Amino acid sequence: MACVVAEKGVFTMNPYEKMYRQLLENGAIAWAGEGYLRAKKQQERVFSWLDLQQYFPQPGAPVL
């Protein structure tokens, strides 16, 4: 479950996680079942673009 700290140890659901769960509840296919290959290909395209634009740190770079 994706959560974020709101204040003083109170956790709330990430808004994107909430939307994702609502879509799944309404029958949308995402990372499960038939939608996996489509989603994986899209993820690879996004990561490739991010790499080409040099958004990723160089190998061995410290990352927080």
PDB file of N, CA and C in Angstrom:
ATOM      1  N   MET A   1       0.842  -1.173   0.000  1.00  0.00           N
ATOM      2  CA  MET A   1       0.000   0.000   0.000  1.00  0.00           C
ATOM      3  C   MET A   1       0.888   1.237   0.000  1.00  0.00           C
ATOM      4  N   ALA A   2       0.607   2.160  -0.883  1.00  0.00           N
ATOM      5  CA  ALA A   2       1.374   3.398  -0.946  1.00  0.00           C
ATOM      6  C   ALA A   2       0.771   4.408   0.017  1.00  0.00           C
ATOM      7  N   CYS A   3       1.564   4.822   0.986  1.00  0.00           N
ATOM      8  CA  CYS A   3       1.095   5.788   1.974  1.00  0.00           C
ATOM      9  C   CYS A   3       2.097   6.917   2.089  1.00  0.00           C
ATOM     10  N   VAL A   4       1.624   8.018   2.550  1.00  0.00           N
ATOM     11  CA  VAL A   4       2.499   9.151   2.823  1.00  0.00           C
ATOM     12  C   VAL A   4       2.238   9.634   4.242  1.00  0.00           C
ATOM     13  N   VAL A   5       3.250  10.207   4.851  1.00  0.00           N
ATOM     14  CA  VAL A   5       3.087  10.739   6.202  1.00  0.00           C
ATOM     15  C   VAL A   5       2.411  12.095   6.096  1.00  0.00           C
ATOM     16  N   ALA A   6       1.290  12.241   6.765  1.00  0.00           N
ATOM     17  CA  ALA A   6       0.563  13.509   6.745  1.00  0.00           C
ATOM     18  C   ALA A   6       1.094  14.420   7.850  1.00  0.00           C
ATOM     19  N   GLU A   7       1.038  13.950   9.076  1.00  0.00           N
ATOM     20  CA  GLU A   7       1.556  14.721  10.202  1.00  0.00           C
ATOM     21  C   GLU A   7       1.625  13.816  11.417  1.00  0.00           C
ATOM     22  N   LYS A   8       2.631  13.986  12.200  1.00  0.00           N
ATOM     23  CA  LYS A   8       2.796  13.276  13.470  1.00  0.00           C
ATOM     24  C   LYS A   8       2.463  11.790  13.389  1.00  0.00           C
ATOM     25  N   GLY A   9       2.993  11.101  12.391  1.00  0.00           N
ATOM     26  CA  GLY A   9       2.812   9.660  12.308  1.00  0.00           C
ATOM     27  C   GLY A   9       1.482   9.213  11.740  1.00  0.00           C
ATOM     28  N   VAL A  10       0.646  10.125  11.295  1.00  0.00           N
ATOM     29  CA  VAL A  10      -0.632   9.760  10.689  1.00  0.00           C
ATOM     30  C   VAL A  10      -0.384   9.496   9.209  1.00  0.00           C
ATOM     31  N   PHE A  11      -0.795   8.344   8.737  1.00  0.00           N
ATOM     32  CA  PHE A  11      -0.563   7.978   7.346  1.00  0.00           C
ATOM     33  C   PHE A  11      -1.844   8.122   6.539  1.00  0.00           C
ATOM     34  N   THR A  12      -1.715   8.690   5.355  1.00  0.00           N
ATOM     35  CA  THR A  12      -2.842   8.783   4.443  1.00  0.00           C
ATOM     36  C   THR A  12      -2.452   8.119   3.132  1.00  0.00           C
ATOM     37  N   MET A  13      -3.419   7.632   2.396  1.00  0.00           N
ATOM     38  CA  MET A  13      -3.149   6.966   1.136  1.00  0.00           C
ATOM     39  C   MET A  13      -2.715   7.982   0.084  1.00  0.00           C
ATOM     40  N   ASN A  14      -1.696   7.629  -0.671  1.00  0.00           N
ATOM     41  CA  ASN A  14      -1.239   8.434  -1.795  1.00  0.00           C
ATOM     42  C   ASN A  14      -2.432   8.666  -2.722  1.00  0.00           C
ATOM     43  N   PRO A  15      -2.667   9.896  -3.199  1.00  0.00           N
ATOM     44  CA  PRO A  15      -3.840  10.156  -4.052  1.00  0.00           C
ATOM     45  C   PRO A  15      -3.838   9.322  -5.337  1.00  0.00           C
ATOM     46  N   TYR A  16      -2.664   9.025  -5.883  1.00  0.00           N
ATOM     47  CA  TYR A  16      -2.605   8.205  -7.092  1.00  0.00           C
ATOM     48  C   TYR A  16      -2.978   6.758  -6.786  1.00  0.00           C
ATOM     49  N   GLU A  17      -2.594   6.285  -5.611  1.00  0.00           N
ATOM     50  CA  GLU A  17      -2.968   4.934  -5.189  1.00  0.00           C
ATOM     51  C   GLU A  17      -4.483   4.858  -5.023  1.00  0.00           C
ATOM     52  N   LYS A  18      -5.075   5.899  -4.485  1.00  0.00           N
ATOM     53  CA  LYS A  18      -6.530   5.937  -4.296  1.00  0.00           C
ATOM     54  C   LYS A  18      -7.243   5.873  -5.650  1.00  0.00           C
ATOM     55  N   MET A  19      -6.765   6.673  -6.623  1.00  0.00           N
ATOM     56  CA  MET A  19      -7.376   6.649  -7.959  1.00  0.00           C
ATOM     57  C   MET A  19      -7.206   5.275  -8.601  1.00  0.00           C
ATOM     58  N   TYR A  20      -6.017   4.681  -8.443  1.00  0.00           N
ATOM     59  CA  TYR A  20      -5.740   3.360  -9.006  1.00  0.00           C
ATOM     60  C   TYR A  20      -6.711   2.325  -8.444  1.00  0.00           C
ATOM     61  N   ARG A  21      -6.899   2.352  -7.135  1.00  0.00           N
ATOM     62  CA  ARG A  21      -7.806   1.392  -6.504  1.00  0.00           C
ATOM     63  C   ARG A  21      -9.251   1.596  -6.963  1.00  0.00           C
ATOM     64  N   GLN A  22      -9.654   2.856  -7.135  1.00  0.00           N
ATOM     65  CA  GLN A  22     -11.009   3.124  -7.613  1.00  0.00           C
ATOM     66  C   GLN A  22     -11.192   2.591  -9.031  1.00  0.00           C
ATOM     67  N   LEU A  23     -10.188   2.782  -9.877  1.00  0.00           N
ATOM     68  CA  LEU A  23     -10.260   2.252 -11.238  1.00  0.00           C
ATOM     69  C   LEU A  23     -10.373   0.734 -11.224  1.00  0.00           C
ATOM     70  N   LEU A  24      -9.575   0.074 -10.391  1.00  0.00           N
ATOM     71  CA  LEU A  24      -9.644  -1.384 -10.303  1.00  0.00           C
ATOM     72  C   LEU A  24     -11.016  -1.844  -9.825  1.00  0.00           C
ATOM     73  N   GLU A  25     -11.566  -1.154  -8.823  1.00  0.00           N
ATOM     74  CA  GLU A  25     -12.888  -1.504  -8.304  1.00  0.00           C
ATOM     75  C   GLU A  25     -13.968  -1.365  -9.372  1.00  0.00           C
ATOM     76  N   ASN A  26     -13.766  -0.443 -10.313  1.00  0.00           N
ATOM     77  CA  ASN A  26     -14.738  -0.225 -11.385  1.00  0.00           C
ATOM     78  C   ASN A  26     -14.469  -1.084 -12.613  1.00  0.00           C
ATOM     79  N   GLY A  27     -13.551  -2.048 -12.475  1.00  0.00           N
ATOM     80  CA  GLY A  27     -13.316  -2.996 -13.564  1.00  0.00           C
ATOM     81  C   GLY A  27     -12.204  -2.642 -14.523  1.00  0.00           C
ATOM     82  N   ALA A  28     -11.461  -1.586 -14.262  1.00  0.00           N
ATOM     83  CA  ALA A  28     -10.355  -1.224 -15.153  1.00  0.00           C
ATOM     84  C   ALA A  28      -9.228  -2.246 -15.026  1.00  0.00           C
ATOM     85  N   ILE A  29      -8.585  -2.529 -16.136  1.00  0.00           N
ATOM     86  CA  ILE A  29      -7.461  -3.459 -16.140  1.00  0.00           C
ATOM     87  C   ILE A  29      -6.186  -2.636 -16.186  1.00  0.00           C
ATOM     88  N   ALA A  30      -5.297  -2.870 -15.244  1.00  0.00           N
ATOM     89  CA  ALA A  30      -4.057  -2.091 -15.210  1.00  0.00           C
ATOM     90  C   ALA A  30      -2.862  -3.033 -15.218  1.00  0.00           C
ATOM     91  N   TRP A  31      -2.215  -3.200 -14.083  1.00  0.00           N
ATOM     92  CA  TRP A  31      -1.017  -4.025 -13.999  1.00  0.00           C
ATOM     93  C   TRP A  31      -1.351  -5.497 -13.816  1.00  0.00           C
ATOM     94  N   ALA A  32      -2.597  -5.822 -13.710  1.00  0.00           N
ATOM     95  CA  ALA A  32      -2.974  -7.215 -13.504  1.00  0.00           C
ATOM     96  C   ALA A  32      -3.545  -7.807 -14.783  1.00  0.00           C
ATOM     97  N   GLY A  33      -3.429  -9.095 -14.909  1.00  0.00           N
ATOM     98  CA  GLY A  33      -4.062  -9.806 -16.016  1.00  0.00           C
ATOM     99  C   GLY A  33      -3.651  -9.323 -17.385  1.00  0.00           C
ATOM    100  N   GLU A  34      -4.648  -9.089 -18.234  1.00  0.00           N
ATOM    101  CA  GLU A  34      -4.420  -8.737 -19.635  1.00  0.00           C
ATOM    102  C   GLU A  34      -3.721  -7.394 -19.810  1.00  0.00           C
ATOM    103  N   GLY A  35      -3.841  -6.509 -18.850  1.00  0.00           N
ATOM    104  CA  GLY A  35      -3.238  -5.192 -18.970  1.00  0.00           C
ATOM    105  C   GLY A  35      -1.756  -5.140 -18.661  1.00  0.00           C
ATOM    106  N   TYR A  36      -1.184  -6.243 -18.173  1.00  0.00           N
ATOM    107  CA  TYR A  36       0.213  -6.216 -17.739  1.00  0.00           C
ATOM    108  C   TYR A  36       1.170  -5.872 -18.871  1.00  0.00           C
ATOM    109  N   LEU A  37       1.066  -6.549 -19.997  1.00  0.00           N
ATOM    110  CA  LEU A  37       2.007  -6.306 -21.096  1.00  0.00           C
ATOM    111  C   LEU A  37       1.915  -4.874 -21.610  1.00  0.00           C
ATOM    112  N   ARG A  38       0.701  -4.347 -21.738  1.00  0.00           N
ATOM    113  CA  ARG A  38       0.527  -2.966 -22.178  1.00  0.00           C
ATOM    114  C   ARG A  38       1.186  -2.008 -21.194  1.00  0.00           C
ATOM    115  N   ALA A  39       0.936  -2.212 -19.919  1.00  0.00           N
ATOM    116  CA  ALA A  39       1.491  -1.328 -18.895  1.00  0.00           C
ATOM    117  C   ALA A  39       3.012  -1.441 -18.831  1.00  0.00           C
ATOM    118  N   LYS A  40       3.529  -2.653 -18.975  1.00  0.00           N
ATOM    119  CA  LYS A  40       4.980  -2.854 -18.929  1.00  0.00           C
ATOM    120  C   LYS A  40       5.656  -2.163 -20.112  1.00  0.00           C
ATOM    121  N   LYS A  41       5.072  -2.270 -21.299  1.00  0.00           N
ATOM    122  CA  LYS A  41       5.639  -1.607 -22.479  1.00  0.00           C
ATOM    123  C   LYS A  41       5.629  -0.088 -22.304  1.00  0.00           C
ATOM    124  N   GLN A  42       4.544   0.439 -21.761  1.00  0.00           N
ATOM    125  CA  GLN A  42       4.466   1.885 -21.522  1.00  0.00           C
ATOM    126  C   GLN A  42       5.510   2.312 -20.497  1.00  0.00           C
ATOM    127  N   GLN A  43       5.679   1.521 -19.449  1.00  0.00           N
ATOM    128  CA  GLN A  43       6.685   1.835 -18.436  1.00  0.00           C
ATOM    129  C   GLN A  43       8.079   1.873 -19.062  1.00  0.00           C
ATOM    130  N   GLU A  44       8.370   0.911 -19.929  1.00  0.00           N
ATOM    131  CA  GLU A  44       9.677   0.874 -20.583  1.00  0.00           C
ATOM    132  C   GLU A  44       9.886   2.095 -21.476  1.00  0.00           C
ATOM    133  N   ARG A  45       8.832   2.548 -22.170  1.00  0.00           N
ATOM    134  CA  ARG A  45       8.943   3.757 -22.993  1.00  0.00           C
ATOM    135  C   ARG A  45       9.237   4.983 -22.124  1.00  0.00           C
ATOM    136  N   VAL A  46       8.543   5.079 -20.996  1.00  0.00           N
ATOM    137  CA  VAL A  46       8.747   6.214 -20.092  1.00  0.00           C
ATOM    138  C   VAL A  46      10.168   6.196 -19.531  1.00  0.00           C
ATOM    139  N   PHE A  47      10.624   5.033 -19.072  1.00  0.00           N
ATOM    140  CA  PHE A  47      11.978   4.939 -18.522  1.00  0.00           C
ATOM    141  C   PHE A  47      13.025   5.246 -19.581  1.00  0.00           C
ATOM    142  N   SER A  48      12.788   4.806 -20.796  1.00  0.00           N
ATOM    143  CA  SER A  48      13.727   5.085 -21.884  1.00  0.00           C
ATOM    144  C   SER A  48      13.804   6.592 -22.136  1.00  0.00           C
ATOM    145  N   TRP A  49      12.654   7.262 -22.174  1.00  0.00           N
ATOM    146  CA  TRP A  49      12.630   8.710 -22.388  1.00  0.00           C
ATOM    147  C   TRP A  49      13.342   9.432 -21.245  1.00  0.00           C
ATOM    148  N   LEU A  50      13.055   9.021 -20.006  1.00  0.00           N
ATOM    149  CA  LEU A  50      13.711   9.641 -18.854  1.00  0.00           C
ATOM    150  C   LEU A  50      15.226   9.472 -18.929  1.00  0.00           C
ATOM    151  N   ASP A  51      15.672   8.299 -19.370  1.00  0.00           N
ATOM    152  CA  ASP A  51      17.104   8.045 -19.509  1.00  0.00           C
ATOM    153  C   ASP A  51      17.704   8.933 -20.599  1.00  0.00           C
ATOM    154  N   LEU A  52      17.027   9.047 -21.740  1.00  0.00           N
ATOM    155  CA  LEU A  52      17.525   9.888 -22.831  1.00  0.00           C
ATOM    156  C   LEU A  52      17.615  11.356 -22.428  1.00  0.00           C
ATOM    157  N   GLN A  53      16.703  11.794 -21.585  1.00  0.00           N
ATOM    158  CA  GLN A  53      16.695  13.185 -21.117  1.00  0.00           C
ATOM    159  C   GLN A  53      17.635  13.397 -19.928  1.00  0.00           C
ATOM    160  N   GLN A  54      18.328  12.342 -19.543  1.00  0.00           N
ATOM    161  CA  GLN A  54      19.302  12.357 -18.443  1.00  0.00           C
ATOM    162  C   GLN A  54      18.675  12.734 -17.098  1.00  0.00           C
ATOM    163  N   TYR A  55      17.460  12.235 -16.858  1.00  0.00           N
ATOM    164  CA  TYR A  55      16.819  12.452 -15.567  1.00  0.00           C
ATOM    165  C   TYR A  55      17.318  11.476 -14.512  1.00  0.00           C
ATOM    166  N   PHE A  56      17.870  10.346 -14.944  1.00  0.00           N
ATOM    167  CA  PHE A  56      18.380   9.360 -13.999  1.00  0.00           C
ATOM    168  C   PHE A  56      19.812   9.715 -13.610  1.00  0.00           C
ATOM    169  N   PRO A  57      20.181   9.460 -12.365  1.00  0.00           N
ATOM    170  CA  PRO A  57      21.565   9.728 -11.955  1.00  0.00           C
ATOM    171  C   PRO A  57      22.526   8.751 -12.630  1.00  0.00           C
ATOM    172  N   GLN A  58      23.767   9.156 -12.732  1.00  0.00           N
ATOM    173  CA  GLN A  58      24.792   8.290 -13.300  1.00  0.00           C
ATOM    174  C   GLN A  58      24.993   7.084 -12.384  1.00  0.00           C
ATOM    175  N   PRO A  59      25.385   5.935 -12.944  1.00  0.00           N
ATOM    176  CA  PRO A  59      25.654   4.757 -12.107  1.00  0.00           C
ATOM    177  C   PRO A  59      26.672   5.089 -11.014  1.00  0.00           C
ATOM    178  N   GLY A  60      26.378   4.662  -9.810  1.00  0.00           N
ATOM    179  CA  GLY A  60      27.266   4.902  -8.682  1.00  0.00           C
ATOM    180  C   GLY A  60      27.044   6.222  -7.971  1.00  0.00           C
ATOM    181  N   ALA A  61      26.168   7.064  -8.513  1.00  0.00           N
ATOM    182  CA  ALA A  61      25.905   8.360  -7.878  1.00  0.00           C
ATOM    183  C   ALA A  61      25.078   8.159  -6.609  1.00  0.00           C
ATOM    184  N   PRO A  62      25.362   8.927  -5.558  1.00  0.00           N
ATOM    185  CA  PRO A  62      24.543   8.817  -4.345  1.00  0.00           C
ATOM    186  C   PRO A  62      23.138   9.359  -4.614  1.00  0.00           C
ATOM    187  N   VAL A  63      22.154   8.642  -4.132  1.00  0.00           N
ATOM    188  CA  VAL A  63      20.756   9.019  -4.342  1.00  0.00           C
ATOM    189  C   VAL A  63      20.038   8.956  -3.003  1.00  0.00           C
ATOM    190  N   LEU A  64      19.204   9.927  -2.749  1.00  0.00           N
ATOM    191  CA  LEU A  64      18.405   9.914  -1.517  1.00  0.00           C
ATOM    192  C   LEU A  64      17.134   9.165  -1.737  1.00  0.00           C
TER     193      LEU A  64
END
